[in-house]
Amino acid sequence: MAMFKRSTKSAKGFDWAGLGWMFLFFWYFSGITQLLIQLTGTSGFSGFRQAFFMSALWLAPMLLFPRRTRLLAALIGVVLWACSMASLGYFFIYQQEFSQSVIFIMFESNISEAGEYATQYFAWWIVLAFIAHTALAIFLWTRLRPVYLPRGQAMLAAAAIVVAVIGYPLIKQIAKSETMELAIDRFETRIEPAVPWQMIVAYRRYTEQLNNMQGMLDNVSKIPPLSNLKDRTAGQPSTLVLVIGESTNRQRMSLYGYPRTTTPELDKLRSQLDVFDNVITPRPYTIEALQQVLTFADEDNPDLYLKTPSIVSVMKQAGYKTFWITNQQTMTKRNTMLTTFSEQADEQVYLNNNRNQNARQYDGDVLAPFSKALSDTAERKFIVVHLLGTHMSYQYRYPSSFDKFTDRQGVPDGVRDDQLPTYNSYDNAVLYNDFVVSSLIKDYAKTDPNGFLMYLSDHGEDVFDSVGHSTLGRNEGKPTAPMYTIPFMTWASPKWRANHGWNVQGDLQRPYSSSQLIHTWADMAGLSFDELDHSRSLISDNFQPRPLLIGNPYERKQRALIDFSLIKPKVNPPVAVVKQP
């Protein structure tokens, strides 16, 4: 009875300060990393918000068992601390948020590689930061004290917390999702920024995507090789490079006539480049486009990517050592197909292990591993570099030194003031992409290679480019020209030009879909095989123009595929051309 009276008295003067210290203690383990992400502008606010709400979950056992507050907090805190050390340490080293991709990289690396990473990135201040992080956690723990409520109120409060943090969000996702699998996936995304769910969700998703990828790789291993493959350069040292961009609309490149100088470095190299100006992508989404671009699949036979060799397999069969360097996310549900392509290569470099696509991850990171691949002792090398390019959100695609376009100079009149920051940030992303692509070309040229480098984007992007200037992003159901118009260019070395009679100037205006790329690539590389169709090669004398079909080939409704010529390409409205400093 005495205990009940004490609890009742405590309830009347509820200890809000004590509850606040509890919440701060549990929030700290997730919040410190999310706070750093916010302060450094690495990603958006959603992770911080989600971690904040998820941290309230641990208040429930504290209210139910107030006498054991310190003990329960210590047990839970040790788990949260261990997980926070991993995520915080990863952020210190890579300025990225922990995700399932990190687990993939960890398990893909051997002990020697792990030692190299530790040696390369170790810094004394990280140890001090870990000590400070631990000391502050202990200090917060010492501030904890029991918060008493009558038993019934305590149970009601604990249940309300669980429902608010877990129950309601989960039920909401189930109600609005088409399948339970999708609901669980969306719910996991909500809780993932908080520890320990960050590790639990990351590992579960890693195993799921690994199984999916392994199934795809098993299927790839059963695909028969090309028939009667021959190589005109067999036995000769050669290095061929394929650079795949992302979300870049050629209409926003000064190389293609855009009034703003968004590609100054490529403009300088123009006399050395073969710039094709009539190439489109078949689909405005990365995975769906590359399933056709990198294989024999096309709009008429979209499933051939499951039954025929990829461009990586083709080059391996031709005797090339293959490399895949990517700044795209690695182990996500959407990107498992990309990782499957990359895993077919002999060597892989995965640079982007962020949980969130909307995070700062600069393509300049590909330059060092690219130089390393170029210096590899293999005489015949095929290197794929997959960029993050100008992917939304554009402000995360470039460092502050490339924040050049900030006003209305060179901007069409139809772009509203509220659209201007996004419009400008896209042009800045194109500007940084120009730096990266041109640097790859220059680094490649320095090696005096026998070969060529090809650059194209997977798809375009409409950033208030269309009539009315209201479209942002990509929508296959409402297609516009900027979603499909992509840059496509090659740089061939003097040796390669001389030995292959390289003369493509008469082919630069040919209408072409990147869904036929593998035929053009093989032709440029000097390969021949029974499956090669010269009428689909952009540089062949036997090239036959075809309708440039876009749309979802799996859609059964009438007119799912349409001729791109029906979509009039955007013509830049007259604007005053202002020379940029």
Protein backbone atom coordinates (compact mmCIF):
# COMPACT_ATOMS: atom_id res chain seq x y z
CA MET A 1 0.00 0.00 0.00
CA ALA A 2 2.88 2.34 0.86
CA MET A 3 4.50 1.64 -2.51
CA PHE A 4 1.23 2.42 -4.32
CA LYS A 5 0.94 5.73 -2.49
CA ARG A 6 4.52 6.65 -3.46
CA SER A 7 3.81 5.81 -7.12
CA THR A 8 0.60 7.84 -7.06
CA LYS A 9 2.42 10.83 -5.65
CA SER A 10 5.08 10.51 -8.32
CA ALA A 11 2.43 10.39 -11.01
CA LYS A 12 0.94 13.67 -9.81
CA GLY A 13 4.33 15.37 -10.09
CA PHE A 14 5.54 13.49 -13.14
CA ASP A 15 9.31 13.48 -13.60
CA TRP A 16 9.56 14.92 -17.11
CA ALA A 17 13.22 15.70 -16.67
CA GLY A 18 13.95 12.08 -15.82
CA LEU A 19 12.06 10.93 -18.90
CA GLY A 20 13.98 13.47 -20.97
CA TRP A 21 17.33 12.09 -19.80
CA MET A 22 16.15 8.58 -20.70
CA PHE A 23 15.16 9.62 -24.18
CA LEU A 24 18.40 11.55 -24.70
CA PHE A 25 20.41 8.49 -23.64
CA PHE A 26 18.72 6.19 -26.15
CA TRP A 27 18.55 8.81 -28.89
CA TYR A 28 22.25 9.55 -28.54
CA PHE A 29 23.43 6.28 -30.11
CA SER A 30 21.48 6.87 -33.33
CA GLY A 31 21.29 10.63 -33.16
CA ILE A 32 24.98 11.45 -33.07
CA THR A 33 25.62 9.93 -36.51
CA GLN A 34 22.42 11.38 -37.96
CA LEU A 35 23.34 14.78 -36.53
CA LEU A 36 26.73 14.63 -38.22
CA ILE A 37 25.02 13.65 -41.47
CA GLN A 38 22.86 16.76 -41.14
CA LEU A 39 25.67 19.11 -40.20
CA THR A 40 27.85 17.95 -43.10
CA GLY A 41 24.99 18.03 -45.60
CA THR A 42 25.68 14.40 -46.48
CA SER A 43 22.02 13.48 -46.82
CA GLY A 44 18.50 14.70 -46.19
CA PHE A 45 16.47 15.12 -43.00
CA SER A 46 14.41 11.93 -43.16
CA GLY A 47 17.02 9.71 -41.49
CA PHE A 48 17.39 12.14 -38.59
CA ARG A 49 13.61 12.33 -38.13
CA GLN A 50 13.13 8.57 -38.27
CA ALA A 51 15.95 7.90 -35.81
CA PHE A 52 14.42 10.45 -33.43
CA PHE A 53 11.06 8.68 -33.31
CA MET A 54 12.51 5.16 -33.17
CA SER A 55 14.62 6.05 -30.14
CA ALA A 56 11.43 6.54 -28.11
CA LEU A 57 10.74 2.79 -28.30
CA TRP A 58 13.22 2.07 -25.48
CA LEU A 59 11.23 4.18 -23.05
CA ALA A 60 8.61 1.44 -22.87
CA PRO A 61 10.62 -1.08 -20.77
CA MET A 62 11.93 1.79 -18.60
CA LEU A 63 8.36 2.74 -17.64
CA LEU A 64 7.31 -0.87 -17.08
CA PHE A 65 10.27 -1.73 -14.84
CA PRO A 66 11.37 1.53 -13.20
CA ARG A 67 13.28 -0.21 -10.37
CA ARG A 68 15.62 -1.72 -12.96
CA THR A 69 16.11 1.45 -14.97
CA ARG A 70 19.91 1.56 -14.73
CA LEU A 71 20.32 -2.19 -15.38
CA LEU A 72 17.97 -2.30 -18.37
CA ALA A 73 19.45 0.89 -19.80
CA ALA A 74 22.94 -0.56 -19.45
CA LEU A 75 22.00 -3.82 -21.20
CA ILE A 76 20.20 -2.06 -24.03
CA GLY A 77 22.82 0.67 -24.13
CA VAL A 78 25.72 -1.75 -24.67
CA VAL A 79 24.00 -3.15 -27.77
CA LEU A 80 23.18 0.30 -29.08
CA TRP A 81 26.70 1.51 -28.31
CA ALA A 82 28.32 -1.35 -30.25
CA CYS A 83 26.11 -0.70 -33.27
CA SER A 84 26.67 3.05 -33.06
CA MET A 85 30.45 2.56 -32.99
CA ALA A 86 30.23 0.68 -36.29
CA SER A 87 27.99 3.24 -38.00
CA LEU A 88 29.87 6.22 -36.56
CA GLY A 89 33.25 4.77 -37.53
CA TYR A 90 32.02 4.10 -41.04
CA PHE A 91 30.83 7.68 -41.32
CA PHE A 92 34.15 9.02 -40.06
CA ILE A 93 36.05 7.11 -42.74
CA TYR A 94 33.74 7.29 -45.76
CA GLN A 95 31.26 10.10 -44.94
CA GLN A 96 28.52 7.62 -45.80
CA GLU A 97 25.65 6.08 -43.89
CA PHE A 98 25.86 2.40 -42.97
CA SER A 99 23.76 0.10 -45.19
CA GLN A 100 23.48 -3.45 -46.50
CA SER A 101 26.00 -2.50 -49.16
CA VAL A 102 28.63 -2.12 -46.44
CA ILE A 103 28.00 -5.68 -45.27
CA PHE A 104 28.33 -6.86 -48.86
CA ILE A 105 31.69 -5.12 -49.22
CA MET A 106 32.88 -6.49 -45.87
CA PHE A 107 32.04 -10.06 -46.80
CA GLU A 108 33.45 -9.62 -50.32
CA SER A 109 36.80 -8.37 -49.00
CA ASN A 110 39.50 -10.72 -47.78
CA ILE A 111 41.62 -10.22 -44.66
CA SER A 112 44.45 -8.65 -46.65
CA GLU A 113 42.12 -6.09 -48.24
CA ALA A 114 40.57 -5.30 -44.86
CA GLY A 115 44.07 -4.67 -43.47
CA GLU A 116 44.86 -2.35 -46.37
CA TYR A 117 41.68 -0.34 -45.74
CA ALA A 118 42.41 -0.09 -42.03
CA THR A 119 45.96 1.11 -42.67
CA GLN A 120 44.90 3.60 -45.32
CA TYR A 121 42.07 5.25 -43.40
CA PHE A 122 43.22 4.97 -39.78
CA ALA A 123 43.71 8.30 -38.06
CA TRP A 124 44.53 9.06 -34.44
CA TRP A 125 41.58 11.41 -34.08
CA ILE A 126 39.17 8.53 -34.75
CA VAL A 127 40.36 6.80 -31.58
CA LEU A 128 39.85 10.01 -29.62
CA ALA A 129 36.39 10.41 -31.15
CA PHE A 130 35.46 6.86 -30.11
CA ILE A 131 36.68 7.53 -26.56
CA ALA A 132 34.69 10.76 -26.40
CA HIS A 133 31.63 9.02 -27.86
CA THR A 134 31.85 6.29 -25.20
CA ALA A 135 32.52 8.74 -22.37
CA LEU A 136 29.48 10.83 -23.23
CA ALA A 137 27.32 7.70 -23.38
CA ILE A 138 28.49 6.73 -19.88
CA PHE A 139 27.82 10.23 -18.62
CA LEU A 140 24.27 10.14 -19.97
CA TRP A 141 23.77 6.74 -18.33
CA THR A 142 24.79 8.19 -14.94
CA ARG A 143 22.04 10.80 -15.28
CA LEU A 144 19.30 8.17 -15.55
CA ARG A 145 16.83 7.73 -12.73
CA PRO A 146 13.59 5.78 -12.34
CA VAL A 147 10.40 7.38 -13.56
CA TYR A 148 7.46 5.96 -11.62
CA LEU A 149 3.87 5.68 -12.75
CA PRO A 150 1.01 3.66 -11.31
CA ARG A 151 1.15 0.17 -12.80
CA GLY A 152 -1.89 0.67 -14.99
CA GLN A 153 -0.70 4.02 -16.31
CA ALA A 154 2.77 2.61 -16.90
CA MET A 155 1.38 -0.25 -18.97
CA LEU A 156 -0.85 2.14 -20.90
CA ALA A 157 2.03 4.53 -21.58
CA ALA A 158 4.33 1.69 -22.70
CA ALA A 159 1.65 0.30 -25.00
CA ALA A 160 1.02 3.77 -26.46
CA ILE A 161 4.73 4.14 -27.21
CA VAL A 162 4.94 0.75 -28.95
CA VAL A 163 1.81 1.47 -30.99
CA ALA A 164 2.99 4.96 -31.98
CA VAL A 165 6.51 3.89 -32.89
CA ILE A 166 5.92 0.42 -34.33
CA GLY A 167 2.24 -0.48 -34.59
CA TYR A 168 0.74 2.51 -36.36
CA PRO A 169 3.54 2.93 -38.97
CA LEU A 170 3.47 -0.79 -39.78
CA ILE A 171 -0.33 -0.94 -40.11
CA LYS A 172 -0.24 2.21 -42.23
CA GLN A 173 2.26 0.64 -44.64
CA ILE A 174 0.26 -2.58 -44.82
CA ALA A 175 -2.88 -0.62 -45.64
CA LYS A 176 -1.37 1.38 -48.48
CA SER A 177 0.98 -1.27 -49.95
CA GLU A 178 0.01 -3.75 -52.64
CA THR A 179 1.76 -6.66 -50.93
CA MET A 180 2.91 -7.57 -47.45
CA GLU A 181 6.48 -7.81 -48.76
CA LEU A 182 6.34 -4.22 -49.96
CA ALA A 183 4.82 -3.07 -46.67
CA ILE A 184 7.59 -4.72 -44.67
CA ASP A 185 10.20 -3.23 -46.99
CA ARG A 186 8.81 0.29 -46.53
CA PHE A 187 8.55 -0.18 -42.78
CA GLU A 188 12.15 -1.35 -42.62
CA THR A 189 13.20 1.76 -44.50
CA ARG A 190 11.47 3.80 -41.80
CA ILE A 191 13.25 2.13 -38.87
CA GLU A 192 16.63 1.58 -40.56
CA PRO A 193 18.30 4.89 -39.58
CA ALA A 194 18.16 3.93 -35.89
CA VAL A 195 20.44 1.44 -34.16
CA PRO A 196 20.31 -1.53 -33.72
CA TRP A 197 17.75 -1.82 -36.55
CA GLN A 198 20.34 -0.36 -38.89
CA MET A 199 22.44 -3.51 -38.52
CA ILE A 200 19.50 -5.92 -38.37
CA VAL A 201 17.74 -4.53 -41.44
CA ALA A 202 21.02 -4.16 -43.32
CA TYR A 203 21.95 -7.79 -42.72
CA ARG A 204 18.49 -9.10 -43.61
CA ARG A 205 18.41 -7.11 -46.83
CA TYR A 206 21.95 -8.15 -47.63
CA THR A 207 21.09 -11.83 -47.37
CA GLU A 208 17.92 -11.34 -49.41
CA GLN A 209 19.66 -9.45 -52.20
CA LEU A 210 22.63 -11.81 -52.10
CA ASN A 211 20.30 -14.75 -52.71
CA ASN A 212 18.65 -12.89 -55.57
CA MET A 213 22.00 -12.00 -57.08
CA GLN A 214 23.33 -15.53 -56.66
CA GLY A 215 20.31 -16.83 -58.50
CA MET A 216 21.01 -14.43 -61.35
CA LEU A 217 24.69 -15.39 -61.42
CA ASP A 218 23.79 -19.08 -61.49
CA ASN A 219 21.57 -18.33 -64.47
CA VAL A 220 24.39 -16.38 -66.14
CA SER A 221 26.76 -19.30 -65.72
CA LYS A 222 24.40 -21.46 -67.77
CA ILE A 223 24.27 -19.05 -70.73
CA PRO A 224 26.25 -20.50 -73.64
CA PRO A 225 29.14 -18.46 -75.06
CA LEU A 226 28.90 -16.65 -78.36
CA SER A 227 29.32 -18.75 -81.48
CA ASN A 228 32.46 -18.42 -83.61
CA LEU A 229 33.82 -15.38 -81.83
CA LYS A 230 36.80 -13.84 -83.61
CA ASP A 231 38.91 -10.82 -82.67
CA ARG A 232 40.84 -8.77 -85.22
CA THR A 233 43.16 -7.57 -82.45
CA ALA A 234 43.75 -10.98 -80.86
CA GLY A 235 47.19 -11.16 -79.32
CA GLN A 236 47.68 -7.38 -79.35
CA PRO A 237 47.79 -5.32 -76.15
CA SER A 238 44.65 -3.21 -75.90
CA THR A 239 42.58 -1.39 -73.30
CA LEU A 240 38.92 -0.60 -73.93
CA VAL A 241 36.80 1.55 -71.60
CA LEU A 242 33.04 1.91 -71.24
CA VAL A 243 31.85 4.84 -69.10
CA ILE A 244 28.16 4.70 -68.16
CA GLY A 245 26.63 7.96 -67.00
CA GLU A 246 23.40 8.53 -65.11
CA SER A 247 20.38 10.78 -65.69
CA THR A 248 22.22 13.12 -68.05
CA ASN A 249 20.20 14.88 -70.74
CA ARG A 250 22.46 15.92 -73.62
CA GLN A 251 20.27 18.97 -74.24
CA ARG A 252 21.75 20.49 -71.07
CA MET A 253 25.34 20.07 -72.30
CA SER A 254 27.12 22.92 -74.07
CA LEU A 255 28.87 20.20 -76.10
CA TYR A 256 25.47 19.69 -77.73
CA GLY A 257 24.62 23.38 -78.12
CA TYR A 258 23.19 24.34 -74.72
CA PRO A 259 23.79 28.08 -74.20
CA ARG A 260 25.25 27.72 -70.73
CA THR A 261 28.84 26.44 -70.62
CA THR A 262 28.08 23.26 -68.71
CA THR A 263 30.75 21.10 -70.40
CA PRO A 264 33.84 23.32 -70.72
CA GLU A 265 36.35 20.47 -70.53
CA LEU A 266 34.62 18.28 -73.09
CA ASP A 267 34.20 21.35 -75.29
CA LYS A 268 38.00 21.70 -75.29
CA LEU A 269 38.36 18.04 -76.27
CA ARG A 270 35.73 18.19 -78.99
CA SER A 271 38.23 17.90 -81.86
CA GLN A 272 39.39 14.61 -80.37
CA LEU A 273 35.90 13.23 -79.78
CA ASP A 274 33.31 11.55 -81.97
CA VAL A 275 30.10 13.15 -80.68
CA PHE A 276 26.96 11.30 -81.77
CA ASP A 277 23.96 13.62 -81.58
CA ASN A 278 20.96 11.46 -82.42
CA VAL A 279 21.08 8.68 -79.81
CA ILE A 280 18.30 7.91 -77.35
CA THR A 281 17.75 5.42 -74.55
CA PRO A 282 14.89 2.88 -74.83
CA ARG A 283 13.69 3.43 -71.27
CA PRO A 284 14.05 6.26 -68.73
CA TYR A 285 15.08 4.06 -65.78
CA THR A 286 18.57 2.74 -64.99
CA ILE A 287 17.92 -0.98 -64.48
CA GLU A 288 15.40 -1.33 -67.28
CA ALA A 289 17.62 0.60 -69.70
CA LEU A 290 20.86 -1.23 -68.87
CA GLN A 291 19.22 -4.63 -69.19
CA GLN A 292 19.02 -3.75 -72.88
CA VAL A 293 22.12 -1.57 -73.22
CA LEU A 294 24.51 -4.16 -71.77
CA THR A 295 23.04 -7.27 -73.38
CA PHE A 296 21.38 -8.49 -76.56
CA ALA A 297 17.95 -7.61 -75.14
CA ASP A 298 15.99 -4.85 -76.83
CA GLU A 299 12.46 -3.44 -77.01
CA ASP A 300 11.34 -6.41 -79.14
CA ASN A 301 13.03 -9.07 -76.99
CA PRO A 302 13.30 -7.61 -73.47
CA ASP A 303 14.00 -10.95 -71.75
CA LEU A 304 17.16 -11.72 -73.71
CA TYR A 305 19.24 -10.27 -70.88
CA LEU A 306 18.43 -13.53 -69.06
CA LYS A 307 19.42 -15.76 -71.97
CA THR A 308 22.36 -14.12 -73.74
CA PRO A 309 25.83 -12.95 -72.64
CA SER A 310 26.35 -9.46 -71.25
CA ILE A 311 29.00 -7.13 -72.62
CA VAL A 312 31.26 -8.19 -69.73
CA SER A 313 30.92 -11.87 -70.65
CA VAL A 314 31.57 -11.02 -74.31
CA MET A 315 34.83 -9.25 -73.47
CA LYS A 316 35.94 -12.04 -71.14
CA GLN A 317 35.32 -14.54 -73.91
CA ALA A 318 37.48 -12.36 -76.18
CA GLY A 319 40.36 -12.69 -73.72
CA TYR A 320 40.15 -9.39 -71.84
CA LYS A 321 40.67 -8.99 -68.13
CA THR A 322 37.53 -7.20 -66.98
CA PHE A 323 37.07 -4.48 -64.35
CA TRP A 324 33.92 -2.85 -62.99
CA ILE A 325 34.27 0.41 -61.04
CA THR A 326 30.98 1.79 -59.77
CA ASN A 327 29.80 4.79 -57.81
CA GLN A 328 26.22 3.52 -57.88
CA GLN A 329 24.61 2.01 -54.79
CA THR A 330 25.52 -1.65 -54.48
CA MET A 331 23.17 -3.99 -52.63
CA THR A 332 19.72 -2.48 -52.88
CA LYS A 333 16.60 -4.15 -54.19
CA ARG A 334 16.71 -2.01 -57.32
CA ASN A 335 20.44 -2.33 -57.91
CA THR A 336 20.87 -6.08 -57.51
CA MET A 337 20.79 -6.41 -61.30
CA LEU A 338 23.66 -3.92 -61.60
CA THR A 339 25.67 -5.80 -59.00
CA THR A 340 25.02 -9.00 -60.96
CA PHE A 341 26.57 -7.36 -64.03
CA SER A 342 29.52 -6.16 -61.97
CA GLU A 343 30.11 -9.54 -60.36
CA GLN A 344 30.66 -11.03 -63.82
CA ALA A 345 33.86 -8.96 -64.06
CA ASP A 346 37.22 -10.24 -62.82
CA GLU A 347 37.67 -7.31 -60.44
CA GLN A 348 35.16 -4.93 -58.86
CA VAL A 349 35.44 -1.64 -57.00
CA TYR A 350 32.33 -0.53 -55.09
CA LEU A 351 32.50 3.08 -53.93
CA ASN A 352 28.95 4.00 -52.92
CA ASN A 353 27.62 2.17 -49.88
CA ASN A 354 25.18 4.84 -48.74
CA ARG A 355 21.82 3.74 -47.42
CA ASN A 356 20.15 6.66 -49.14
CA GLN A 357 20.54 7.59 -52.81
CA ASN A 358 20.06 11.24 -51.82
CA ALA A 359 23.48 11.53 -50.23
CA ARG A 360 26.71 13.24 -51.15
CA GLN A 361 28.78 10.79 -53.12
CA TYR A 362 31.00 12.38 -55.73
CA ASP A 363 31.99 10.66 -58.95
CA GLY A 364 35.53 11.98 -58.62
CA ASP A 365 36.11 8.96 -56.38
CA VAL A 366 36.26 6.74 -59.48
CA LEU A 367 39.44 8.40 -60.77
CA ALA A 368 41.91 6.67 -58.44
CA PRO A 369 40.62 3.09 -58.98
CA PHE A 370 40.40 3.84 -62.71
CA SER A 371 44.07 4.79 -62.80
CA LYS A 372 44.88 1.64 -60.85
CA ALA A 373 42.99 -0.50 -63.36
CA LEU A 374 44.80 1.21 -66.25
CA SER A 375 48.14 0.29 -64.68
CA ASP A 376 47.20 -3.36 -64.25
CA THR A 377 49.76 -5.66 -65.88
CA ALA A 378 47.17 -7.51 -68.00
CA GLU A 379 47.87 -6.81 -71.68
CA ARG A 380 44.21 -6.79 -72.64
CA LYS A 381 41.82 -4.92 -70.34
CA PHE A 382 38.15 -4.00 -70.47
CA ILE A 383 37.14 -1.40 -67.87
CA VAL A 384 33.58 -0.35 -67.05
CA VAL A 385 33.14 2.83 -65.01
CA HIS A 386 29.58 3.40 -63.79
CA LEU A 387 28.95 6.93 -62.57
CA LEU A 388 26.24 8.41 -60.38
CA GLY A 389 26.27 11.27 -62.87
CA THR A 390 23.49 13.82 -62.50
CA HIS A 391 21.09 11.65 -60.52
CA MET A 392 18.48 13.37 -58.39
CA SER A 393 18.87 15.01 -55.88
CA TYR A 394 21.19 17.13 -57.96
CA GLN A 395 22.66 19.22 -55.13
CA TYR A 396 24.34 16.08 -53.79
CA ARG A 397 26.14 15.35 -57.05
CA TYR A 398 28.80 18.06 -56.97
CA PRO A 399 31.09 19.76 -54.43
CA SER A 400 30.70 23.44 -53.55
CA SER A 401 33.53 24.42 -55.91
CA PHE A 402 31.23 23.53 -58.83
CA ASP A 403 28.31 25.64 -57.60
CA LYS A 404 28.69 27.92 -60.62
CA PHE A 405 25.15 28.49 -61.88
CA THR A 406 23.21 30.42 -59.26
CA ASP A 407 21.19 33.03 -61.17
CA ARG A 408 18.92 33.31 -64.21
CA GLN A 409 21.61 33.96 -66.81
CA GLY A 410 21.02 31.51 -69.66
CA VAL A 411 17.82 30.14 -68.09
CA PRO A 412 14.66 29.97 -70.25
CA ASP A 413 12.02 32.52 -69.28
CA GLY A 414 9.47 29.78 -68.56
CA VAL A 415 11.40 28.48 -65.55
CA ARG A 416 9.70 29.86 -62.43
CA ASP A 417 11.60 31.37 -59.53
CA ASP A 418 10.70 28.44 -57.26
CA GLN A 419 12.07 26.03 -59.90
CA LEU A 420 15.29 27.98 -60.45
CA PRO A 421 17.40 26.39 -57.64
CA THR A 422 16.66 22.90 -58.94
CA TYR A 423 17.27 23.97 -62.54
CA ASN A 424 20.61 25.50 -61.56
CA SER A 425 21.69 22.56 -59.40
CA TYR A 426 21.12 20.21 -62.35
CA ASP A 427 23.37 22.37 -64.55
CA ASN A 428 25.99 22.34 -61.79
CA ALA A 429 25.74 18.54 -61.68
CA VAL A 430 26.28 18.45 -65.45
CA LEU A 431 29.30 20.72 -64.96
CA TYR A 432 30.84 18.34 -62.42
CA ASN A 433 30.00 15.37 -64.62
CA ASP A 434 31.96 17.13 -67.37
CA PHE A 435 34.97 17.32 -65.08
CA VAL A 436 34.78 13.62 -64.22
CA VAL A 437 34.22 12.32 -67.77
CA SER A 438 36.91 14.57 -69.24
CA SER A 439 39.32 13.49 -66.47
CA LEU A 440 38.68 9.85 -67.32
CA ILE A 441 39.43 10.59 -70.97
CA LYS A 442 42.61 12.52 -70.13
CA ASP A 443 43.86 9.85 -67.71
CA TYR A 444 43.17 7.21 -70.32
CA ALA A 445 44.95 9.19 -73.05
CA LYS A 446 48.05 9.62 -70.86
CA THR A 447 48.65 5.87 -70.94
CA ASP A 448 49.07 5.98 -74.75
CA PRO A 449 46.57 3.13 -75.09
CA ASN A 450 45.68 0.98 -78.02
CA GLY A 451 41.93 1.24 -77.75
CA PHE A 452 38.95 3.55 -77.32
CA LEU A 453 36.76 4.99 -74.56
CA MET A 454 33.00 5.24 -74.98
CA TYR A 455 30.74 7.40 -72.82
CA LEU A 456 26.95 7.36 -72.77
CA SER A 457 24.27 7.97 -70.17
CA ASP A 458 21.79 5.29 -69.14
CA HIS A 459 18.89 7.74 -69.65
CA GLY A 460 18.12 11.45 -69.59
CA GLU A 461 16.23 13.65 -67.16
CA ASP A 462 13.61 16.34 -67.60
CA VAL A 463 14.39 19.24 -65.29
CA PHE A 464 11.78 21.81 -66.30
CA ASP A 465 12.93 21.44 -69.93
CA SER A 466 9.65 20.57 -71.59
CA VAL A 467 6.91 22.87 -72.84
CA GLY A 468 5.42 24.56 -69.80
CA HIS A 469 8.52 23.72 -67.74
CA SER A 470 6.56 21.72 -65.18
CA THR A 471 8.13 18.26 -65.52
CA LEU A 472 10.83 17.13 -63.10
CA GLY A 473 12.48 13.72 -63.34
CA ARG A 474 11.27 10.79 -65.44
CA ASN A 475 7.89 9.22 -66.09
CA GLU A 476 7.57 6.51 -68.72
CA GLY A 477 3.81 6.95 -68.70
CA LYS A 478 4.17 10.62 -69.67
CA PRO A 479 7.33 10.67 -71.79
CA THR A 480 9.14 13.81 -72.83
CA ALA A 481 12.20 14.10 -75.06
CA PRO A 482 14.71 15.09 -72.31
CA MET A 483 14.04 11.79 -70.54
CA TYR A 484 15.45 9.92 -73.54
CA THR A 485 18.02 12.15 -75.25
CA ILE A 486 21.41 11.00 -74.02
CA PRO A 487 25.03 11.94 -74.67
CA PHE A 488 26.97 9.37 -76.68
CA MET A 489 30.62 9.88 -77.62
CA THR A 490 33.90 8.07 -78.16
CA TRP A 491 37.57 8.91 -77.84
CA ALA A 492 39.84 6.62 -79.86
CA SER A 493 43.62 6.61 -79.50
CA PRO A 494 45.83 7.39 -82.51
CA LYS A 495 47.02 3.77 -82.52
CA TRP A 496 43.50 2.42 -82.63
CA ARG A 497 42.42 4.87 -85.33
CA ALA A 498 45.39 3.95 -87.49
CA ASN A 499 45.04 0.19 -87.08
CA HIS A 500 41.26 0.05 -87.48
CA GLY A 501 40.62 2.63 -90.16
CA TRP A 502 38.55 4.52 -87.59
CA ASN A 503 36.37 6.97 -89.47
CA VAL A 504 32.94 7.54 -87.98
CA GLN A 505 32.39 11.20 -88.86
CA GLY A 506 29.72 10.26 -91.38
CA ASP A 507 27.83 8.26 -88.72
CA LEU A 508 27.39 10.97 -86.07
CA GLN A 509 23.84 11.96 -87.05
CA ARG A 510 22.44 8.47 -87.48
CA PRO A 511 19.26 7.80 -85.46
CA TYR A 512 20.11 5.17 -82.89
CA SER A 513 18.82 3.52 -79.73
CA SER A 514 21.29 2.44 -77.06
CA SER A 515 19.30 -0.81 -76.81
CA GLN A 516 21.47 -1.90 -79.78
CA LEU A 517 24.73 -0.90 -78.11
CA ILE A 518 26.30 -4.35 -77.85
CA HIS A 519 26.38 -4.62 -81.65
CA THR A 520 28.08 -1.23 -81.99
CA TRP A 521 30.52 -2.01 -79.20
CA ALA A 522 31.52 -5.35 -80.74
CA ASP A 523 31.99 -3.69 -84.12
CA MET A 524 34.16 -0.94 -82.63
CA ALA A 525 36.16 -3.51 -80.66
CA GLY A 526 36.92 -5.55 -83.78
CA LEU A 527 34.89 -8.55 -82.68
CA SER A 528 32.74 -10.76 -84.83
CA PHE A 529 30.43 -13.66 -83.95
CA ASP A 530 27.33 -15.30 -85.31
CA GLU A 531 25.02 -13.26 -83.09
CA LEU A 532 26.42 -9.92 -84.27
CA ASP A 533 24.01 -7.94 -86.43
CA HIS A 534 25.89 -5.31 -88.43
CA SER A 535 22.64 -3.63 -89.38
CA ARG A 536 22.34 -2.68 -85.70
CA SER A 537 25.87 -1.28 -85.49
CA LEU A 538 26.00 2.50 -85.53
CA ILE A 539 29.32 2.56 -87.40
CA SER A 540 28.70 -0.25 -89.89
CA ASP A 541 28.32 0.29 -93.62
CA ASN A 542 25.38 -2.10 -93.31
CA PHE A 543 23.59 0.01 -90.70
CA GLN A 544 19.83 0.18 -91.17
CA PRO A 545 17.85 2.97 -89.49
CA ARG A 546 14.98 1.66 -87.39
CA PRO A 547 12.12 3.33 -85.55
CA LEU A 548 13.40 4.56 -82.19
CA LEU A 549 10.93 2.80 -79.92
CA ILE A 550 10.48 3.84 -76.30
CA GLY A 551 8.21 2.53 -73.58
CA ASN A 552 7.64 -0.53 -71.43
CA PRO A 553 7.93 -3.66 -73.63
CA TYR A 554 6.16 -5.74 -70.96
CA GLU A 555 3.07 -3.54 -71.05
CA ARG A 556 0.26 -5.38 -72.84
CA LYS A 557 -1.90 -2.39 -73.51
CA GLN A 558 -2.10 -1.08 -77.05
CA ARG A 559 0.62 1.33 -78.13
CA ALA A 560 2.80 0.65 -75.06
CA LEU A 561 5.78 1.26 -77.34
CA ILE A 562 5.81 4.52 -79.27
CA ASP A 563 8.12 5.99 -81.88
CA PHE A 564 10.36 8.63 -80.33
CA SER A 565 9.92 10.78 -83.43
CA LEU A 566 6.38 11.45 -82.21
CA ILE A 567 7.87 13.34 -79.28
CA LYS A 568 9.27 16.56 -80.64
CA PRO A 569 12.68 17.18 -79.06
CA LYS A 570 12.89 20.33 -77.03
CA VAL A 571 14.28 23.28 -78.91
CA ASN A 572 16.02 25.70 -76.58
CA PRO A 573 14.09 29.00 -76.66
CA PRO A 574 16.06 32.05 -77.70
CA VAL A 575 18.06 33.33 -74.78
CA ALA A 576 20.91 35.72 -74.47
CA VAL A 577 24.09 33.68 -74.57
CA VAL A 578 26.18 34.95 -71.70
CA LYS A 579 29.81 33.94 -71.47
CA GLN A 580 30.38 32.33 -68.15
CA PRO A 581 33.48 33.35 -66.23
